[in-house]
Amino acid sequence: MSQPMGQTAPKSSRATTSLVLGILGFLCCQLCAPFAWYMGKQELAAIRAGTSPASGEGSAKAGMILGLIGTILLILTLVWVFGFGGLAVIQAMRGAQGS
């Protein structure tokens, strides 16, 4: 049965949540990104299984992709902070011992 003109099927709240978390994870709070990636992936699986409305597919995909990018940025940030930051501390300690 098709929808009348002007009316759309309701989107899943999980698809919208995934999109919002993906945007937040990409722009400012990278800790949200892995949750967006997970929720988007789960929602896409639910859409394929037929348990969620297909109208949320675009939001779920966008949330998943933004979550993936944000997660990669989070990992790179952690590597930079702990890897290069740790090296700077070690070098500062060696410089203090040599004086």
C-alpha atoms as a PDB file:
ATOM      1  CA  MET A   1       0.000   0.000   0.000  1.00  0.00           C
ATOM      2  CA  SER A   2       1.542   3.321  -0.998  1.00  0.00           C
ATOM      3  CA  GLN A   3       1.586   6.577   0.933  1.00  0.00           C
ATOM      4  CA  PRO A   4      -0.642   9.459  -0.256  1.00  0.00           C
ATOM      5  CA  MET A   5       1.129  12.386  -1.908  1.00  0.00           C
ATOM      6  CA  GLY A   6       2.752  14.786   0.550  1.00  0.00           C
ATOM      7  CA  GLN A   7       3.106  12.216   3.340  1.00  0.00           C
ATOM      8  CA  THR A   8       6.298  10.326   4.063  1.00  0.00           C
ATOM      9  CA  ALA A   9       6.897   7.276   6.184  1.00  0.00           C
ATOM     10  CA  PRO A  10       8.313   8.112   9.613  1.00  0.00           C
ATOM     11  CA  LYS A  11      12.052   7.706  10.047  1.00  0.00           C
ATOM     12  CA  SER A  12      13.493   5.572  12.760  1.00  0.00           C
ATOM     13  CA  SER A  13      14.731   7.482  15.782  1.00  0.00           C
ATOM     14  CA  ARG A  14      17.884   5.336  15.753  1.00  0.00           C
ATOM     15  CA  ALA A  15      18.716   6.546  12.237  1.00  0.00           C
ATOM     16  CA  THR A  16      18.314  10.164  13.337  1.00  0.00           C
ATOM     17  CA  THR A  17      20.343   9.563  16.496  1.00  0.00           C
ATOM     18  CA  SER A  18      23.090   7.986  14.427  1.00  0.00           C
ATOM     19  CA  LEU A  19      23.169  11.023  12.151  1.00  0.00           C
ATOM     20  CA  VAL A  20      23.281  13.489  15.051  1.00  0.00           C
ATOM     21  CA  LEU A  21      26.039  11.545  16.807  1.00  0.00           C
ATOM     22  CA  GLY A  22      27.944  11.289  13.518  1.00  0.00           C
ATOM     23  CA  ILE A  23      27.814  15.053  13.015  1.00  0.00           C
ATOM     24  CA  LEU A  24      28.899  15.688  16.606  1.00  0.00           C
ATOM     25  CA  GLY A  25      31.645  13.069  16.326  1.00  0.00           C
ATOM     26  CA  PHE A  26      32.955  14.577  13.118  1.00  0.00           C
ATOM     27  CA  LEU A  27      32.797  18.230  14.133  1.00  0.00           C
ATOM     28  CA  CYS A  28      33.519  18.570  17.824  1.00  0.00           C
ATOM     29  CA  CYS A  29      33.190  15.551  20.124  1.00  0.00           C
ATOM     30  CA  GLN A  30      35.052  12.644  18.600  1.00  0.00           C
ATOM     31  CA  LEU A  31      34.042  10.351  21.448  1.00  0.00           C
ATOM     32  CA  CYS A  32      30.539  10.255  19.906  1.00  0.00           C
ATOM     33  CA  ALA A  33      31.841   8.918  16.593  1.00  0.00           C
ATOM     34  CA  PRO A  34      32.209   5.216  17.463  1.00  0.00           C
ATOM     35  CA  PHE A  35      28.644   5.188  18.822  1.00  0.00           C
ATOM     36  CA  ALA A  36      27.356   6.772  15.601  1.00  0.00           C
ATOM     37  CA  TRP A  37      29.218   4.208  13.521  1.00  0.00           C
ATOM     38  CA  TYR A  38      27.793   1.328  15.570  1.00  0.00           C
ATOM     39  CA  MET A  39      24.233   2.656  15.649  1.00  0.00           C
ATOM     40  CA  GLY A  40      24.238   3.425  11.918  1.00  0.00           C
ATOM     41  CA  LYS A  41      25.493  -0.064  11.107  1.00  0.00           C
ATOM     42  CA  GLN A  42      22.867  -1.667  13.351  1.00  0.00           C
ATOM     43  CA  GLU A  43      20.083   0.458  11.855  1.00  0.00           C
ATOM     44  CA  LEU A  44      21.092  -0.430   8.297  1.00  0.00           C
ATOM     45  CA  ALA A  45      20.985  -4.099   9.253  1.00  0.00           C
ATOM     46  CA  ALA A  46      17.506  -3.589  10.742  1.00  0.00           C
ATOM     47  CA  ILE A  47      16.347  -1.835   7.568  1.00  0.00           C
ATOM     48  CA  ARG A  48      17.629  -4.702   5.418  1.00  0.00           C
ATOM     49  CA  ALA A  49      15.895  -7.193   7.723  1.00  0.00           C
ATOM     50  CA  GLY A  50      12.656  -5.250   7.381  1.00  0.00           C
ATOM     51  CA  THR A  51      12.283  -4.375  11.071  1.00  0.00           C
ATOM     52  CA  SER A  52      12.902  -0.630  10.608  1.00  0.00           C
ATOM     53  CA  PRO A  53      11.375   1.780   8.082  1.00  0.00           C
ATOM     54  CA  ALA A  54      13.372   2.191   4.883  1.00  0.00           C
ATOM     55  CA  SER A  55      12.929   5.969   5.015  1.00  0.00           C
ATOM     56  CA  GLY A  56      15.772   6.169   7.574  1.00  0.00           C
ATOM     57  CA  GLU A  57      18.325   4.521   5.319  1.00  0.00           C
ATOM     58  CA  GLY A  58      19.943   7.778   4.177  1.00  0.00           C
ATOM     59  CA  SER A  59      20.272   9.122   7.712  1.00  0.00           C
ATOM     60  CA  ALA A  60      21.653   5.819   8.959  1.00  0.00           C
ATOM     61  CA  LYS A  61      24.232   5.660   6.144  1.00  0.00           C
ATOM     62  CA  ALA A  62      25.299   9.269   6.697  1.00  0.00           C
ATOM     63  CA  GLY A  63      25.607   8.678  10.453  1.00  0.00           C
ATOM     64  CA  MET A  64      27.612   5.520   9.909  1.00  0.00           C
ATOM     65  CA  ILE A  65      29.999   7.198   7.444  1.00  0.00           C
ATOM     66  CA  LEU A  66      30.479  10.285   9.635  1.00  0.00           C
ATOM     67  CA  GLY A  67      30.983   7.984  12.617  1.00  0.00           C
ATOM     68  CA  LEU A  68      33.640   6.027  10.740  1.00  0.00           C
ATOM     69  CA  ILE A  69      35.492   9.200   9.737  1.00  0.00           C
ATOM     70  CA  GLY A  70      35.210  10.576  13.271  1.00  0.00           C
ATOM     71  CA  THR A  71      36.509   7.304  14.727  1.00  0.00           C
ATOM     72  CA  ILE A  72      39.532   7.428  12.424  1.00  0.00           C
ATOM     73  CA  LEU A  73      40.166  11.021  13.508  1.00  0.00           C
ATOM     74  CA  LEU A  74      39.824   9.965  17.158  1.00  0.00           C
ATOM     75  CA  ILE A  75      42.373   7.176  16.704  1.00  0.00           C
ATOM     76  CA  LEU A  76      44.804   9.509  14.931  1.00  0.00           C
ATOM     77  CA  THR A  77      44.373  12.080  17.703  1.00  0.00           C
ATOM     78  CA  LEU A  78      45.048   9.486  20.399  1.00  0.00           C
ATOM     79  CA  VAL A  79      48.133   8.242  18.560  1.00  0.00           C
ATOM     80  CA  TRP A  80      49.391  11.808  18.228  1.00  0.00           C
ATOM     81  CA  VAL A  81      48.740  12.710  21.875  1.00  0.00           C
ATOM     82  CA  PHE A  82      50.135   9.541  23.411  1.00  0.00           C
ATOM     83  CA  GLY A  83      52.774   8.741  20.794  1.00  0.00           C
ATOM     84  CA  PHE A  84      54.288  12.092  20.010  1.00  0.00           C
ATOM     85  CA  GLY A  85      53.407  13.650  23.362  1.00  0.00           C
ATOM     86  CA  GLY A  86      55.074  10.755  25.147  1.00  0.00           C
ATOM     87  CA  LEU A  87      58.200  11.182  23.035  1.00  0.00           C
ATOM     88  CA  ALA A  88      58.333  14.872  23.928  1.00  0.00           C
ATOM     89  CA  VAL A  89      58.215  14.047  27.642  1.00  0.00           C
ATOM     90  CA  ILE A  90      60.997  11.460  27.282  1.00  0.00           C
ATOM     91  CA  GLN A  91      63.161  13.919  25.359  1.00  0.00           C
ATOM     92  CA  ALA A  92      62.568  16.603  27.988  1.00  0.00           C
ATOM     93  CA  MET A  93      63.589  14.161  30.719  1.00  0.00           C
ATOM     94  CA  ARG A  94      66.770  13.206  28.858  1.00  0.00           C
ATOM     95  CA  GLY A  95      67.618  16.869  28.362  1.00  0.00           C
ATOM     96  CA  ALA A  96      67.202  17.520  32.100  1.00  0.00           C
ATOM     97  CA  GLN A  97      69.507  14.579  32.987  1.00  0.00           C
ATOM     98  CA  GLY A  98      72.233  15.775  30.637  1.00  0.00           C
ATOM     99  CA  SER A  99      72.447  19.216  32.244  1.00  0.00           C
END
